[in-house]
Amino acid sequence: MKPLTRRTFLLGTLALTACGSSEPSGTLKIAGGEPGGFYFDFASLLSDLSPAPLTITAVQTGGSGDNLKLLREGSADLALSLSDSAHLESGIVALGRVYENYLQLVVLDSSPYRSAADLIDKPVSLGAAGSGAALQGERLALGVREEHYPLRNAVDALKSGEIAALLWSGGVPTPELNKASGIRLLPLDGYLPRLRQDYGKVYERVDVRMGVYGSRMDVPTIGTPNLLVCRPDLSAEYAGAIVRLLVAKAAQLVPEQALGTQYLDVRSLIDTGKVPLHPGAAAEYRRLHG
């Protein structure tokens, strides 16, 4: 069997008509995220599009850390995780890389803050406890007075002046933030060289485009890939069924609020970095390649 490469996988996706495989039956729980965030939206889309007789149930959680904990404990069969969080977890495998999270440092548009350095010693919500944003906030070492609120509570606290800013890792635009008028993002690209030096190339520069949240210019920030992961003991039949769903329904598995900055791209599904592919997933990608 030839080794799987991005090129051979791309060629294989042109021949997806061979999807006549019967799907396994049963129910899989996927640990998603907070309501209003892309994790939960994506998990819900997987649930809605799961092929009978397979049922996928989306579970609300606090984010990557919670998801990996549920997976470890056996309370979830599948989980969404930022790749930096997944790298810290032993004994997991990937079913695919799905899309990109954007790290968003949000302040009120009327505030005097123009850079993250302006927030030193100020109260800032660094993501909900157990979220990927909390890990990234710790790694950024912003020197702020840390709070940890779920996104909706953080938005309320920002509006009331209880906190000076909030950190969120998610899609662009995040619906909960999109509803909150009078906000703006602070650039975070200046922290990227140190993060890459300390933690590797899992972090990359991305731009939140002009117009998102009413911005008058592009805002450079930090992107992190998201992985759909599971335990190695997930059956090959289930792993294969998930891969077929990811590939065949790629265009329908991007939450509709996205402005084209997120993707579920068949070209990058196999690019899971340091987290190895589940053997059943790798076999299915090869089968689809032909």
Protein backbone atom coordinates (compact mmCIF):
# COMPACT_ATOMS: atom_id res chain seq x y z
CA MET A 1 0.00 0.00 0.00
CA LYS A 2 1.41 3.39 -0.97
CA PRO A 3 2.05 5.91 1.83
CA LEU A 4 -0.65 8.53 2.29
CA THR A 5 0.41 12.01 1.27
CA ARG A 6 -1.55 15.20 0.83
CA ARG A 7 -1.13 14.92 -2.95
CA THR A 8 -2.39 11.35 -3.13
CA PHE A 9 -5.26 12.17 -0.80
CA LEU A 10 -6.26 15.11 -2.99
CA LEU A 11 -6.23 12.93 -6.07
CA GLY A 12 -8.31 10.36 -4.27
CA THR A 13 -11.02 12.80 -3.27
CA LEU A 14 -11.84 13.21 -6.95
CA ALA A 15 -13.16 9.65 -6.92
CA LEU A 16 -15.52 9.83 -3.98
CA THR A 17 -18.26 8.02 -5.79
CA ALA A 18 -17.08 4.85 -4.09
CA CYS A 19 -18.98 5.66 -0.93
CA GLY A 20 -21.29 2.72 -1.01
CA SER A 21 -20.05 1.34 2.29
CA SER A 22 -22.73 0.46 4.79
CA GLU A 23 -22.49 2.52 7.93
CA PRO A 24 -22.12 1.02 11.41
CA SER A 25 -24.98 1.37 13.87
CA GLY A 26 -24.76 2.81 17.36
CA THR A 27 -24.41 6.14 19.14
CA LEU A 28 -21.24 8.21 19.52
CA LYS A 29 -20.97 11.19 21.86
CA ILE A 30 -18.85 14.12 20.66
CA ALA A 31 -17.54 16.61 23.22
CA GLY A 32 -18.13 20.00 21.61
CA GLY A 33 -17.87 23.35 23.39
CA GLU A 34 -19.79 26.35 24.62
CA PRO A 35 -23.11 27.26 23.01
CA GLY A 36 -22.51 29.99 20.44
CA GLY A 37 -18.99 28.82 19.67
CA PHE A 38 -17.78 26.99 16.58
CA TYR A 39 -16.94 23.81 18.49
CA PHE A 40 -20.53 23.24 19.51
CA ASP A 41 -21.83 24.40 16.12
CA PHE A 42 -19.50 21.99 14.34
CA ALA A 43 -20.39 19.13 16.69
CA SER A 44 -24.07 19.84 16.09
CA LEU A 45 -23.55 19.74 12.32
CA LEU A 46 -21.81 16.36 12.66
CA SER A 47 -24.79 15.21 14.68
CA ASP A 48 -27.30 16.48 12.12
CA LEU A 49 -25.45 14.92 9.18
CA SER A 50 -24.54 11.58 10.76
CA PRO A 51 -25.57 8.77 8.39
CA ALA A 52 -28.20 6.32 9.60
CA PRO A 53 -28.02 3.99 11.42
CA LEU A 54 -25.12 5.84 13.10
CA THR A 55 -26.12 8.52 15.61
CA ILE A 56 -23.75 11.26 16.80
CA THR A 57 -24.78 13.28 19.86
CA ALA A 58 -23.21 16.69 20.57
CA VAL A 59 -22.32 17.49 24.20
CA GLN A 60 -21.88 21.02 25.55
CA THR A 61 -18.56 21.56 27.36
CA GLY A 62 -16.13 24.27 28.40
CA GLY A 63 -13.76 23.62 25.48
CA SER A 64 -10.61 21.69 24.59
CA GLY A 65 -9.46 20.81 28.12
CA ASP A 66 -12.90 19.61 29.14
CA ASN A 67 -13.25 17.66 25.91
CA LEU A 68 -10.00 15.78 26.39
CA LYS A 69 -10.94 15.01 29.99
CA LEU A 70 -14.31 13.57 28.90
CA LEU A 71 -12.54 11.52 26.25
CA ARG A 72 -9.99 10.24 28.77
CA GLU A 73 -12.74 9.27 31.23
CA GLY A 74 -14.80 7.50 28.57
CA SER A 75 -17.68 9.98 28.84
CA ALA A 76 -17.22 10.95 25.18
CA ASP A 77 -16.26 8.93 22.13
CA LEU A 78 -15.09 11.86 20.00
CA ALA A 79 -13.76 15.27 20.93
CA LEU A 80 -12.79 18.55 19.34
CA SER A 81 -9.54 20.04 20.56
CA LEU A 82 -7.09 22.75 19.71
CA SER A 83 -3.95 21.05 18.51
CA ASP A 84 -1.79 22.62 21.23
CA SER A 85 -4.05 21.10 23.89
CA ALA A 86 -4.11 17.76 22.06
CA HIS A 87 -0.30 17.69 22.01
CA LEU A 88 -0.32 17.59 25.81
CA GLU A 89 -2.57 14.52 25.92
CA SER A 90 -1.10 11.04 25.62
CA GLY A 91 -3.05 8.11 24.23
CA ILE A 92 -5.24 9.92 21.72
CA VAL A 93 -5.40 9.70 17.94
CA ALA A 94 -6.92 11.95 15.30
CA LEU A 95 -9.69 11.46 12.79
CA GLY A 96 -8.80 14.66 10.96
CA ARG A 97 -7.83 18.28 11.14
CA VAL A 98 -11.00 20.26 10.71
CA TYR A 99 -10.58 24.04 10.75
CA GLU A 100 -8.69 26.95 12.29
CA ASN A 101 -9.35 28.74 15.55
CA TYR A 102 -8.54 32.43 15.80
CA LEU A 103 -7.30 33.82 19.12
CA GLN A 104 -9.33 36.96 19.77
CA LEU A 105 -8.45 39.55 22.40
CA VAL A 106 -11.58 41.69 22.66
CA VAL A 107 -12.01 45.15 24.18
CA LEU A 108 -14.73 47.77 23.98
CA ASP A 109 -14.28 50.04 21.00
CA SER A 110 -14.57 53.01 23.34
CA SER A 111 -11.74 51.80 25.60
CA PRO A 112 -8.26 53.38 25.56
CA TYR A 113 -6.52 50.02 25.07
CA ARG A 114 -4.58 49.71 21.80
CA SER A 115 -2.28 46.79 22.55
CA ALA A 116 -2.15 43.78 24.85
CA ALA A 117 0.57 45.55 26.83
CA ASP A 118 -2.00 48.20 27.81
CA LEU A 119 -3.89 45.50 29.73
CA ILE A 120 -1.11 44.69 32.23
CA ASP A 121 -2.58 44.50 35.76
CA LYS A 122 -6.11 44.92 34.37
CA PRO A 123 -8.86 42.30 34.93
CA VAL A 124 -9.16 40.12 31.83
CA SER A 125 -11.13 36.93 31.23
CA LEU A 126 -8.70 34.42 29.76
CA GLY A 127 -11.32 31.96 28.58
CA ALA A 128 -13.50 29.58 30.55
CA ALA A 129 -11.79 27.13 32.86
CA GLY A 130 -10.97 24.01 30.86
CA SER A 131 -10.93 25.82 27.52
CA GLY A 132 -8.22 26.06 24.89
CA ALA A 133 -8.24 29.83 25.36
CA ALA A 134 -7.28 29.35 29.01
CA LEU A 135 -4.21 27.35 28.00
CA GLN A 136 -3.28 29.90 25.36
CA GLY A 137 -3.86 32.78 27.77
CA GLU A 138 -1.46 31.14 30.21
CA ARG A 139 1.15 30.72 27.47
CA LEU A 140 0.79 34.32 26.30
CA ALA A 141 1.74 35.53 29.82
CA LEU A 142 -0.03 38.87 29.37
CA GLY A 143 0.54 40.02 32.96
CA VAL A 144 -3.16 40.66 33.54
CA ARG A 145 -5.38 39.94 36.55
CA GLU A 146 -6.87 36.66 35.41
CA GLU A 147 -10.55 35.84 35.38
CA HIS A 148 -12.10 32.80 33.73
CA TYR A 149 -15.65 33.27 32.45
CA PRO A 150 -17.65 31.37 29.83
CA LEU A 151 -17.98 33.48 26.71
CA ARG A 152 -21.47 34.81 27.33
CA ASN A 153 -20.62 35.83 30.88
CA ALA A 154 -17.37 37.38 29.68
CA VAL A 155 -19.22 39.52 27.13
CA ASP A 156 -21.60 40.72 29.85
CA ALA A 157 -18.66 41.48 32.17
CA LEU A 158 -16.91 43.41 29.40
CA LYS A 159 -20.02 45.47 28.69
CA SER A 160 -20.51 46.27 32.38
CA GLY A 161 -16.88 47.29 32.90
CA GLU A 162 -16.17 44.41 35.29
CA ILE A 163 -13.31 43.31 33.03
CA ALA A 164 -11.16 45.28 30.62
CA ALA A 165 -10.93 42.57 27.96
CA LEU A 166 -11.72 38.97 27.16
CA LEU A 167 -9.72 36.30 25.37
CA TRP A 168 -11.55 33.85 23.14
CA SER A 169 -10.37 31.15 20.78
CA GLY A 170 -12.91 30.37 18.11
CA GLY A 171 -14.25 30.98 14.66
CA VAL A 172 -14.56 34.32 12.94
CA PRO A 173 -17.01 35.81 13.40
CA THR A 174 -18.05 34.15 16.64
CA PRO A 175 -21.84 34.71 16.80
CA GLU A 176 -21.82 35.75 20.46
CA LEU A 177 -19.22 38.42 19.72
CA ASN A 178 -20.89 39.39 16.46
CA LYS A 179 -24.02 40.29 18.43
CA ALA A 180 -22.01 42.49 20.80
CA SER A 181 -21.78 45.86 19.08
CA GLY A 182 -19.05 48.32 20.00
CA ILE A 183 -16.14 45.91 20.33
CA ARG A 184 -12.75 45.63 18.66
CA LEU A 185 -9.83 43.21 18.60
CA LEU A 186 -6.27 43.86 19.70
CA PRO A 187 -3.38 42.42 17.65
CA LEU A 188 -1.56 39.41 19.08
CA ASP A 189 0.95 38.62 16.32
CA GLY A 190 3.79 40.11 18.39
CA TYR A 191 3.58 37.11 20.71
CA LEU A 192 3.91 34.60 17.89
CA PRO A 193 7.73 34.30 17.69
CA ARG A 194 8.01 33.38 21.38
CA LEU A 195 5.10 30.95 21.21
CA ARG A 196 6.62 29.20 18.20
CA GLN A 197 10.01 29.11 19.88
CA ASP A 198 8.61 27.63 23.09
CA TYR A 199 5.85 25.38 21.71
CA GLY A 200 6.55 24.79 18.03
CA LYS A 201 4.82 25.53 14.76
CA VAL A 202 1.38 24.64 16.04
CA TYR A 203 0.81 28.40 16.19
CA GLU A 204 0.64 30.52 13.02
CA ARG A 205 -0.20 34.05 12.04
CA VAL A 206 -3.71 34.69 10.74
CA ASP A 207 -5.58 37.90 10.01
CA VAL A 208 -9.08 38.77 11.10
CA ARG A 209 -10.26 40.59 8.02
CA MET A 210 -11.48 44.16 7.87
CA GLY A 211 -15.22 44.36 8.48
CA VAL A 212 -15.40 41.54 11.01
CA TYR A 213 -16.99 42.96 14.18
CA GLY A 214 -17.03 46.32 12.37
CA SER A 215 -13.24 46.55 12.20
CA ARG A 216 -11.82 49.21 9.90
CA MET A 217 -8.66 47.21 9.18
CA ASP A 218 -7.25 43.69 9.25
CA VAL A 219 -6.15 42.59 12.73
CA PRO A 220 -3.20 40.16 12.91
CA THR A 221 -3.54 37.44 15.51
CA ILE A 222 -2.68 33.79 16.21
CA GLY A 223 -4.30 30.77 14.60
CA THR A 224 -4.35 27.21 15.89
CA PRO A 225 -5.64 24.16 14.01
CA ASN A 226 -8.50 22.15 15.45
CA LEU A 227 -8.44 18.37 15.52
CA LEU A 228 -11.25 15.84 15.77
CA VAL A 229 -9.77 13.22 18.10
CA CYS A 230 -10.70 9.94 19.75
CA ARG A 231 -9.16 7.12 21.78
CA PRO A 232 -7.24 4.41 19.91
CA ASP A 233 -9.86 1.83 20.94
CA LEU A 234 -12.56 3.45 18.78
CA SER A 235 -13.45 0.75 16.26
CA ALA A 236 -12.11 0.99 12.73
CA GLU A 237 -15.72 0.86 11.48
CA TYR A 238 -16.63 3.99 13.43
CA ALA A 239 -13.41 5.76 12.45
CA GLY A 240 -14.06 5.00 8.80
CA ALA A 241 -17.65 6.23 9.03
CA ILE A 242 -16.49 9.56 10.52
CA VAL A 243 -13.88 10.00 7.80
CA ARG A 244 -16.49 9.38 5.09
CA LEU A 245 -18.73 11.96 6.74
CA LEU A 246 -15.92 14.54 6.95
CA VAL A 247 -14.96 14.08 3.30
CA ALA A 248 -18.38 13.68 1.70
CA LYS A 249 -20.05 16.48 3.68
CA ALA A 250 -17.10 18.90 3.92
CA ALA A 251 -19.00 21.84 2.42
CA GLN A 252 -21.91 21.34 4.85
CA LEU A 253 -19.73 21.04 7.95
CA VAL A 254 -18.68 24.70 8.10
CA PRO A 255 -20.96 26.68 10.43
CA GLU A 256 -22.94 29.10 8.31
CA GLN A 257 -21.81 32.14 10.33
CA ALA A 258 -18.29 31.80 8.88
CA LEU A 259 -17.12 34.48 6.48
CA GLY A 260 -14.80 32.19 4.56
CA THR A 261 -12.03 32.40 7.14
CA GLN A 262 -12.75 28.95 8.50
CA TYR A 263 -12.69 25.80 6.52
CA LEU A 264 -13.21 22.11 6.58
CA ASP A 265 -10.77 21.47 3.77
CA VAL A 266 -10.25 17.97 2.40
CA ARG A 267 -6.71 19.02 1.48
CA SER A 268 -5.77 19.44 5.12
CA LEU A 269 -7.81 16.73 6.85
CA ILE A 270 -4.81 14.40 7.07
CA ASP A 271 -2.48 17.12 8.38
CA THR A 272 -2.84 16.35 12.09
CA GLY A 273 0.67 17.28 13.17
CA LYS A 274 2.08 15.43 16.16
CA VAL A 275 -1.18 13.57 16.82
CA PRO A 276 -1.21 10.38 14.70
CA LEU A 277 -4.19 9.38 12.64
CA HIS A 278 -6.37 6.58 13.95
CA PRO A 279 -5.39 3.47 11.93
CA GLY A 280 -8.98 3.04 10.78
CA ALA A 281 -9.12 6.67 9.67
CA ALA A 282 -5.83 6.36 7.79
CA ALA A 283 -7.10 3.20 6.08
CA GLU A 284 -10.29 4.95 5.02
CA TYR A 285 -8.41 7.95 3.63
CA ARG A 286 -6.31 5.47 1.62
CA ARG A 287 -9.43 3.65 0.44
CA LEU A 288 -10.95 6.92 -0.73
CA HIS A 289 -7.68 7.68 -2.48
CA GLY A 290 -8.03 4.42 -4.38
